Protein backbone atom coordinates (compact mmCIF):
# COMPACT_ATOMS: atom_id res chain seq x y z
CA UNK A 1 0.00 0.00 0.00
CA UNK A 2 1.01 3.64 -0.40
CA UNK A 3 2.62 5.13 2.70
CA UNK A 4 2.22 8.88 2.24
CA UNK A 5 5.12 11.00 3.40
CA UNK A 6 4.27 13.07 6.49
CA UNK A 7 6.15 16.00 8.04
CA UNK A 8 7.29 13.68 10.84
CA UNK A 9 8.66 11.01 8.49
CA UNK A 10 10.21 13.64 6.24
CA UNK A 11 11.95 15.27 9.19
CA UNK A 12 13.79 12.04 9.95
CA UNK A 13 15.47 12.11 6.53
CA UNK A 14 17.39 15.38 6.74
CA UNK A 15 19.05 17.68 9.25
CA UNK A 16 18.95 21.46 9.49
CA UNK A 17 21.84 23.88 9.86
CA UNK A 18 21.83 27.55 10.82
CA UNK A 19 22.26 29.86 7.86
CA UNK A 20 21.35 27.17 5.33
CA UNK A 21 18.11 25.92 3.77
CA UNK A 22 17.90 22.29 2.74
CA UNK A 23 15.65 20.83 0.06
CA UNK A 24 13.90 18.90 2.82
CA UNK A 25 12.68 22.21 4.24
CA UNK A 26 11.18 23.29 0.93
CA UNK A 27 9.71 20.23 -0.81
CA UNK A 28 5.96 19.83 -0.76
CA UNK A 29 3.92 17.10 0.90
CA UNK A 30 0.29 16.10 0.50
CA UNK A 31 -2.02 18.17 2.68
CA UNK A 32 -4.00 15.10 3.70
CA UNK A 33 -1.87 12.05 4.62
CA UNK A 34 -5.04 9.97 5.00
CA UNK A 35 -6.20 10.41 1.39
CA UNK A 36 -7.12 7.24 -0.49
CA UNK A 37 -5.18 6.27 -3.60
CA UNK A 38 -8.24 6.74 -5.81
CA UNK A 39 -8.53 10.35 -4.65
CA UNK A 40 -4.89 11.39 -5.01
CA UNK A 41 -5.48 13.48 -8.12
CA UNK A 42 -7.12 16.47 -6.43
CA UNK A 43 -4.51 16.61 -3.65
CA UNK A 44 -1.69 16.38 -6.19
CA UNK A 45 -3.36 19.09 -8.28
CA UNK A 46 -3.24 21.34 -5.22
CA UNK A 47 0.51 20.80 -5.03
CA UNK A 48 0.81 21.61 -8.73
CA UNK A 49 -1.04 24.90 -8.16
CA UNK A 50 1.63 25.72 -5.56
CA UNK A 51 4.44 25.17 -8.06
CA UNK A 52 5.06 21.41 -8.01
CA UNK A 53 6.23 19.87 -11.28
CA UNK A 54 7.68 16.54 -10.11
CA UNK A 55 6.18 13.86 -7.85
CA UNK A 56 8.80 11.70 -6.17
CA UNK A 57 7.56 8.19 -5.42
CA UNK A 58 9.35 5.25 -3.84
CA UNK A 59 8.66 1.54 -4.27
CA UNK A 60 10.08 -0.57 -1.46
CA UNK A 61 10.17 -4.12 -2.77
CA UNK A 62 12.54 -6.80 -3.96
CA UNK A 63 10.06 -9.51 -4.91
CA UNK A 64 10.57 -8.68 -8.59
CA UNK A 65 14.35 -9.27 -8.65
CA UNK A 66 14.00 -12.38 -6.47
CA UNK A 67 11.25 -13.70 -8.75
CA UNK A 68 13.82 -13.32 -11.53
CA UNK A 69 16.18 -15.57 -9.52
CA UNK A 70 18.28 -12.56 -8.54
CA UNK A 71 19.34 -11.01 -5.25
CA UNK A 72 17.07 -8.96 -3.02
CA UNK A 73 17.97 -5.74 -1.27
CA UNK A 74 16.12 -3.14 -3.35
CA UNK A 75 13.61 -2.38 -0.58
CA UNK A 76 15.61 0.49 0.97
CA UNK A 77 16.70 2.48 -2.09
CA UNK A 78 14.03 5.17 -1.67
CA UNK A 79 14.96 6.08 1.90
CA UNK A 80 18.67 5.99 1.01
CA UNK A 81 18.06 8.37 -1.89
CA UNK A 82 15.86 10.74 0.09
CA UNK A 83 18.34 10.87 2.98
CA UNK A 84 20.86 12.37 0.56
CA UNK A 85 18.60 14.34 -1.78
CA UNK A 86 16.69 16.15 0.96
CA UNK A 87 19.96 17.19 2.62
CA UNK A 88 21.08 19.03 -0.51
CA UNK A 89 20.94 22.82 -0.51
CA UNK A 90 17.90 24.82 -1.60
CA UNK A 91 19.29 27.66 -3.71
CA UNK A 92 19.03 29.43 -7.08
CA UNK A 93 19.54 26.13 -8.94
CA UNK A 94 16.70 24.27 -7.23
CA UNK A 95 14.31 25.67 -4.65
CA UNK A 96 12.54 22.46 -3.67
CA UNK A 97 8.91 23.52 -4.05
CA UNK A 98 9.10 22.08 -7.58
CA UNK A 99 8.96 18.62 -5.99
CA UNK A 100 6.29 16.90 -3.97
CA UNK A 101 7.58 13.87 -2.08
CA UNK A 102 4.50 11.70 -2.34
CA UNK A 103 5.59 8.69 -0.35
CA UNK A 104 6.44 5.04 -0.74
CA UNK A 105 4.57 1.99 -2.04
CA UNK A 106 5.25 -0.76 0.50
CA UNK A 107 3.83 -4.13 -0.58
CA UNK A 108 3.80 -7.26 1.54
CA UNK A 109 7.37 -8.46 2.11
CA UNK A 110 8.43 -12.09 1.73
CA UNK A 111 11.22 -13.81 3.60
CA UNK A 112 13.82 -16.09 2.07
CA UNK A 113 11.53 -19.11 2.17
CA UNK A 114 9.10 -17.70 -0.39
CA UNK A 115 8.76 -19.75 -3.56
CA UNK A 116 9.34 -18.41 -7.06
CA UNK A 117 5.61 -18.74 -7.72
CA UNK A 118 4.74 -16.70 -4.62
CA UNK A 119 7.19 -13.98 -5.59
CA UNK A 120 5.86 -13.80 -9.13
CA UNK A 121 2.29 -13.51 -7.88
CA UNK A 122 3.37 -10.78 -5.47
CA UNK A 123 5.01 -8.94 -8.36
CA UNK A 124 1.80 -9.14 -10.40
CA UNK A 125 -0.17 -7.81 -7.42
CA UNK A 126 2.29 -4.95 -7.04
CA UNK A 127 1.79 -4.04 -10.71
CA UNK A 128 -1.79 -3.03 -9.94
CA UNK A 129 -0.71 -0.81 -7.04
CA UNK A 130 1.88 0.94 -9.19
CA UNK A 131 -0.62 1.52 -12.00
CA UNK A 132 -3.20 2.98 -9.62
CA UNK A 133 -0.80 5.46 -7.97
CA UNK A 134 1.13 6.55 -11.06
CA UNK A 135 -2.06 7.07 -13.07
CA UNK A 136 -3.18 9.58 -10.41
CA UNK A 137 0.13 11.43 -10.62
CA UNK A 138 -0.10 11.68 -14.41
CA UNK A 139 -3.74 12.78 -14.19
CA UNK A 140 -2.64 15.68 -11.99
CA UNK A 141 -0.18 16.68 -14.75
CA UNK A 142 2.87 16.01 -12.61
CA UNK A 143 5.97 14.11 -13.75
CA UNK A 144 6.66 10.98 -11.69
CA UNK A 145 10.21 10.35 -10.52
CA UNK A 146 10.05 6.75 -9.30
CA UNK A 147 12.82 5.27 -7.15
CA UNK A 148 13.43 1.82 -5.83
CA UNK A 149 12.29 -1.71 -6.26
CA UNK A 150 13.10 -3.94 -9.18
CA UNK A 151 12.83 -3.16 -12.86
CA UNK A 152 9.60 -5.15 -12.87
CA UNK A 153 7.93 -1.85 -11.98
CA UNK A 154 8.53 -0.54 -15.50
CA UNK A 155 5.48 -2.58 -16.48
CA UNK A 156 3.20 -0.76 -14.05
CA UNK A 157 4.57 2.61 -15.12
CA UNK A 158 4.07 1.87 -18.82
CA UNK A 159 0.56 0.59 -18.19
CA UNK A 160 -0.24 3.77 -16.24
CA UNK A 161 0.92 5.87 -19.21
CA UNK A 162 -1.27 3.81 -21.54
CA UNK A 163 -4.25 4.15 -19.22
CA UNK A 164 -3.86 7.91 -18.75
CA UNK A 165 -3.02 8.92 -22.32
CA UNK A 166 -4.80 6.11 -24.20
CA UNK A 167 -1.66 5.32 -26.15
CA UNK A 168 1.51 3.32 -25.80
CA UNK A 169 4.82 4.79 -24.67
CA UNK A 170 8.16 4.91 -26.41
CA UNK A 171 10.73 3.68 -23.90
CA UNK A 172 14.49 4.09 -23.65
CA UNK A 173 16.35 2.08 -21.04
CA UNK A 174 19.98 2.33 -19.92
CA UNK A 175 20.50 -1.29 -18.92
CA UNK A 176 22.87 -4.19 -19.63
CA UNK A 177 19.75 -6.39 -19.81
CA UNK A 178 16.84 -5.81 -22.19
CA UNK A 179 14.32 -7.11 -19.62
CA UNK A 180 12.50 -8.67 -22.57
CA UNK A 181 12.55 -12.22 -21.23
CA UNK A 182 9.68 -14.64 -21.96
CA UNK A 183 6.36 -14.00 -20.22
CA UNK A 184 6.73 -16.85 -17.72
CA UNK A 185 5.18 -15.02 -14.76
CA UNK A 186 5.97 -11.50 -13.62
CA UNK A 187 9.49 -10.61 -12.51
CA UNK A 188 12.15 -7.96 -13.03
CA UNK A 189 13.38 -9.50 -16.28
CA UNK A 190 10.20 -9.21 -18.34
CA UNK A 191 8.54 -5.89 -17.57
CA UNK A 192 9.01 -4.65 -21.12
CA UNK A 193 7.93 -7.86 -22.85
CA UNK A 194 4.72 -7.87 -20.79
CA UNK A 195 4.18 -4.18 -21.60
CA UNK A 196 4.65 -4.89 -25.30
CA UNK A 197 2.17 -7.77 -25.19
CA UNK A 198 -0.40 -5.55 -23.47
CA UNK A 199 -0.11 -2.64 -25.90
CA UNK A 200 1.69 -0.31 -23.49
CA UNK A 201 5.03 -0.29 -25.33
CA UNK A 202 5.11 1.10 -28.85
CA UNK A 203 8.85 1.55 -29.28
CA UNK A 204 11.81 0.32 -27.25
CA UNK A 205 15.51 1.19 -27.32
CA UNK A 206 18.09 -0.30 -24.95
CA UNK A 207 21.24 1.74 -24.37
CA UNK A 208 24.28 -0.11 -23.02
CA UNK A 209 22.91 -3.60 -23.65
CA UNK A 210 25.63 -6.09 -22.75
CA UNK A 211 26.25 -8.43 -25.64
CA UNK A 212 26.70 -11.49 -23.41
CA UNK A 213 24.07 -10.84 -20.72
CA UNK A 214 21.03 -11.46 -22.91
CA UNK A 215 20.04 -14.90 -24.15
CA UNK A 216 19.66 -15.51 -27.88
CA UNK A 217 15.96 -16.21 -27.30
CA UNK A 218 15.57 -12.82 -25.60
CA UNK A 219 17.45 -11.03 -28.37
CA UNK A 220 15.31 -12.77 -30.97
CA UNK A 221 12.12 -11.82 -29.16
CA UNK A 222 13.31 -8.22 -28.87
CA UNK A 223 14.19 -8.13 -32.57
CA UNK A 224 10.81 -9.53 -33.58
CA UNK A 225 9.15 -6.75 -31.59
CA UNK A 226 11.24 -4.19 -33.46
CA UNK A 227 13.37 -3.23 -30.49
CA UNK A 228 16.61 -1.33 -31.07
CA UNK A 229 19.82 -1.15 -29.08
CA UNK A 230 23.32 0.24 -28.78
CA UNK A 231 25.47 -2.26 -26.94
CA UNK A 232 27.80 -1.51 -24.06
CA UNK A 233 30.65 -2.88 -26.13
CA UNK A 234 29.86 -0.66 -29.13
CA UNK A 235 30.11 2.55 -27.09
CA UNK A 236 32.39 1.93 -24.11
CA UNK A 237 34.67 -0.90 -25.29
CA UNK A 238 35.10 -0.83 -29.08
CA UNK A 239 34.32 2.91 -29.31
CA UNK A 240 32.48 2.48 -32.60
CA UNK A 241 30.14 5.34 -31.72
CA UNK A 242 30.29 7.98 -29.01
CA UNK A 243 27.67 8.25 -26.29
CA UNK A 244 26.74 11.71 -27.59
CA UNK A 245 26.17 10.36 -31.10
CA UNK A 246 24.11 7.46 -29.78
CA UNK A 247 21.92 9.75 -27.66
CA UNK A 248 21.31 12.04 -30.62
CA UNK A 249 20.14 9.07 -32.68
CA UNK A 250 17.96 7.73 -29.87
CA UNK A 251 16.27 11.08 -29.19
CA UNK A 252 15.48 11.47 -32.90
CA UNK A 253 13.94 7.99 -33.06
CA UNK A 254 11.90 8.56 -29.90
CA UNK A 255 10.56 11.87 -31.17
CA UNK A 256 9.60 10.37 -34.51
CA UNK A 257 7.15 8.07 -32.71
CA UNK A 258 5.15 11.06 -31.38
CA UNK A 259 4.52 8.98 -28.25
CA UNK A 260 5.10 9.92 -24.60
CA UNK A 261 8.63 8.86 -23.66
CA UNK A 262 9.38 6.52 -20.76
CA UNK A 263 12.85 7.30 -19.41
CA UNK A 264 14.25 4.21 -17.69
CA UNK A 265 17.52 3.38 -15.98
CA UNK A 266 18.56 0.19 -14.26
CA UNK A 267 21.45 1.10 -11.96
CA UNK A 268 22.91 -2.33 -12.76
CA UNK A 269 24.32 -0.44 -15.74
CA UNK A 270 26.50 1.79 -13.52
CA UNK A 271 29.94 0.53 -12.54
CA UNK A 272 30.13 -0.76 -8.94
CA UNK A 273 26.63 0.44 -8.05
CA UNK A 274 25.10 -1.71 -5.27
CA UNK A 275 22.30 -3.62 -7.01
CA UNK A 276 20.88 -7.06 -7.54
CA UNK A 277 23.28 -7.58 -10.48
CA UNK A 278 26.13 -5.17 -9.80
CA UNK A 279 29.05 -5.02 -12.22
CA UNK A 280 32.61 -3.75 -12.40
CA UNK A 281 32.39 -3.40 -16.19
CA UNK A 282 29.75 -0.71 -16.25
CA UNK A 283 28.89 2.80 -17.31
CA UNK A 284 30.37 5.73 -15.34
CA UNK A 285 27.84 7.50 -13.13
CA UNK A 286 28.45 10.79 -14.96
CA UNK A 287 27.56 9.15 -18.28
CA UNK A 288 24.32 7.89 -16.70
CA UNK A 289 23.56 11.45 -15.55
CA UNK A 290 24.29 12.73 -19.06
CA UNK A 291 21.95 10.13 -20.55
CA UNK A 292 19.08 11.17 -18.29
CA UNK A 293 19.69 14.88 -18.79
CA UNK A 294 19.95 14.61 -22.58
CA UNK A 295 16.82 12.50 -23.12
CA UNK A 296 14.78 14.58 -20.67
CA UNK A 297 15.88 17.78 -22.39
CA UNK A 298 15.26 16.64 -25.95
CA UNK A 299 12.18 14.39 -25.60
CA UNK A 300 8.64 14.58 -24.24
CA UNK A 301 9.28 12.39 -21.20
CA UNK A 302 6.34 11.11 -19.17
CA UNK A 303 8.41 9.95 -16.20
CA UNK A 304 11.82 8.96 -14.85
CA UNK A 305 12.28 5.49 -13.37
CA UNK A 306 15.43 4.62 -11.38
CA UNK A 307 15.34 0.88 -10.67
CA UNK A 308 17.27 -1.89 -8.91
CA UNK A 309 19.43 0.09 -6.45
CA UNK A 310 20.11 -2.21 -3.50
CA UNK A 311 22.10 -0.67 -0.62
CA UNK A 312 22.24 -4.04 1.17
CA UNK A 313 24.30 -5.47 -1.69
CA UNK A 314 27.26 -3.11 -1.16
CA UNK A 315 30.49 -5.01 -0.62
CA UNK A 316 31.28 -2.86 2.43
CA UNK A 317 27.88 -3.25 4.04
CA UNK A 318 24.52 -1.51 4.10
CA UNK A 319 25.75 1.75 5.61
CA UNK A 320 28.18 2.22 2.73
CA UNK A 321 25.42 1.10 0.36
CA UNK A 322 23.05 3.76 1.66
CA UNK A 323 25.71 6.41 1.12
CA UNK A 324 26.65 5.35 -2.39
CA UNK A 325 23.10 4.70 -3.55
CA UNK A 326 21.86 7.92 -1.95
CA UNK A 327 24.47 10.12 -3.56
CA UNK A 328 24.22 8.45 -6.95
CA UNK A 329 20.43 8.44 -7.17
CA UNK A 330 20.34 12.07 -6.02
CA UNK A 331 22.57 13.03 -8.93
CA UNK A 332 20.33 11.12 -11.34
CA UNK A 333 17.26 12.90 -9.99
CA UNK A 334 18.85 16.30 -10.31
CA UNK A 335 20.05 15.50 -13.85
CA UNK A 336 16.39 14.99 -14.79
CA UNK A 337 15.13 18.09 -13.02
CA UNK A 338 17.89 20.23 -14.55
CA UNK A 339 16.74 19.27 -18.02
CA UNK A 340 13.15 20.27 -17.27
CA UNK A 341 13.68 23.42 -15.25
CA UNK A 342 15.60 26.45 -16.56
CA UNK A 343 18.53 27.28 -14.29
CA UNK A 344 18.42 30.71 -12.64
CA UNK A 345 21.97 32.05 -12.31
C-alpha cells in the first residue's frame, strides 16, 4: 500500500543547519496524509497549483528481482536516496517547491523461504498498485520520478501511461539487460515484454545492452518486436560510436514516434553500483547522468524510473550502500530536473 510522506517522516530524513536551507525544508507534501489512492489526483493538483512539477515516489520491494532468480535488497533504495537528496541545498539552482515527495509503495514483504511462484504472484499484485498510484500522478499533470524496487515496476509505469493517455509509450532504457525475457510469470526480467504484449510499449531502445548478458531467445524476441539497441561494447569498449552520437540518434527515433517517452535506468548499468546484479564493467555514473539529462531535455518524457538500487548489496555493508546509492540516485534525480527546469543564475 502507499505510505504517504508526512512532516514527521520527512523530518527524519534530513538535518537542518543555521544559515542554510535544505531541500527537505522546501519540498511539498500532501495536505492530507489519509487520502485514499483513488482520490490522489485532487490533492496532487493542489501541489501543482503551488508550483510542483515533479512527484517523487518510492517503491520498497525486492520480490521482482527475487522472482527473476536474482538477489534482493532493493527495498531500501528510496529512503537511502531521500536521505541524501533532501539534505542538498535549496538555492538558485533548485528551490525544492518544484517537488512533492508523495511517499512510498510498500507491498507485503516475503522472507527467504518464499517460492518463485509466490514472488511472481506478489510482483503481479504490485503491478496493480503501481498503475493505480502513477495514473493519479499523471492525471494531476505532474511528472513521476520513481525510485526503488526492481525493474519489474517498468510494467506498471508503462501501463499507467497507456491508461492515462490512451496510447503506448516509447521507452528508452539504460540497462545491460533488455528485460525482454519470456512472459513466464511476472518478474524484473520481463517488464518490457509484458508491456509490449499488453499494448503499453510502442517503441523500445536499450542503451548499453551487454552483448553477453542477454540470451539468444531474448534477443530474438526483442528483434521480432522491433526493439533497437546500442550495446555496451559498441560505445564503451570498441568505441564504434560515441555516447553523444548514440543519444542524438535515440532522441530522434523517440521523437519520430510522437509517443510519450518513458525514461528508464537500471542502476545495474552503472559501474560498482550496489544492485541485484552489480558489475565492475559498467557505465560511469556521470555518463548515466548525461543520458538522463539529454533525453529529458530533448524528448517529451512522461516519467523517470530509477530501478534496482540495493544498498544491502554493497560489498562494504549496508551503511556504505546507503551512502553510495543515496548520492548516486540524487545526482540522477537532479540531472532529470535540470533538463526540465531552466537554471536561474
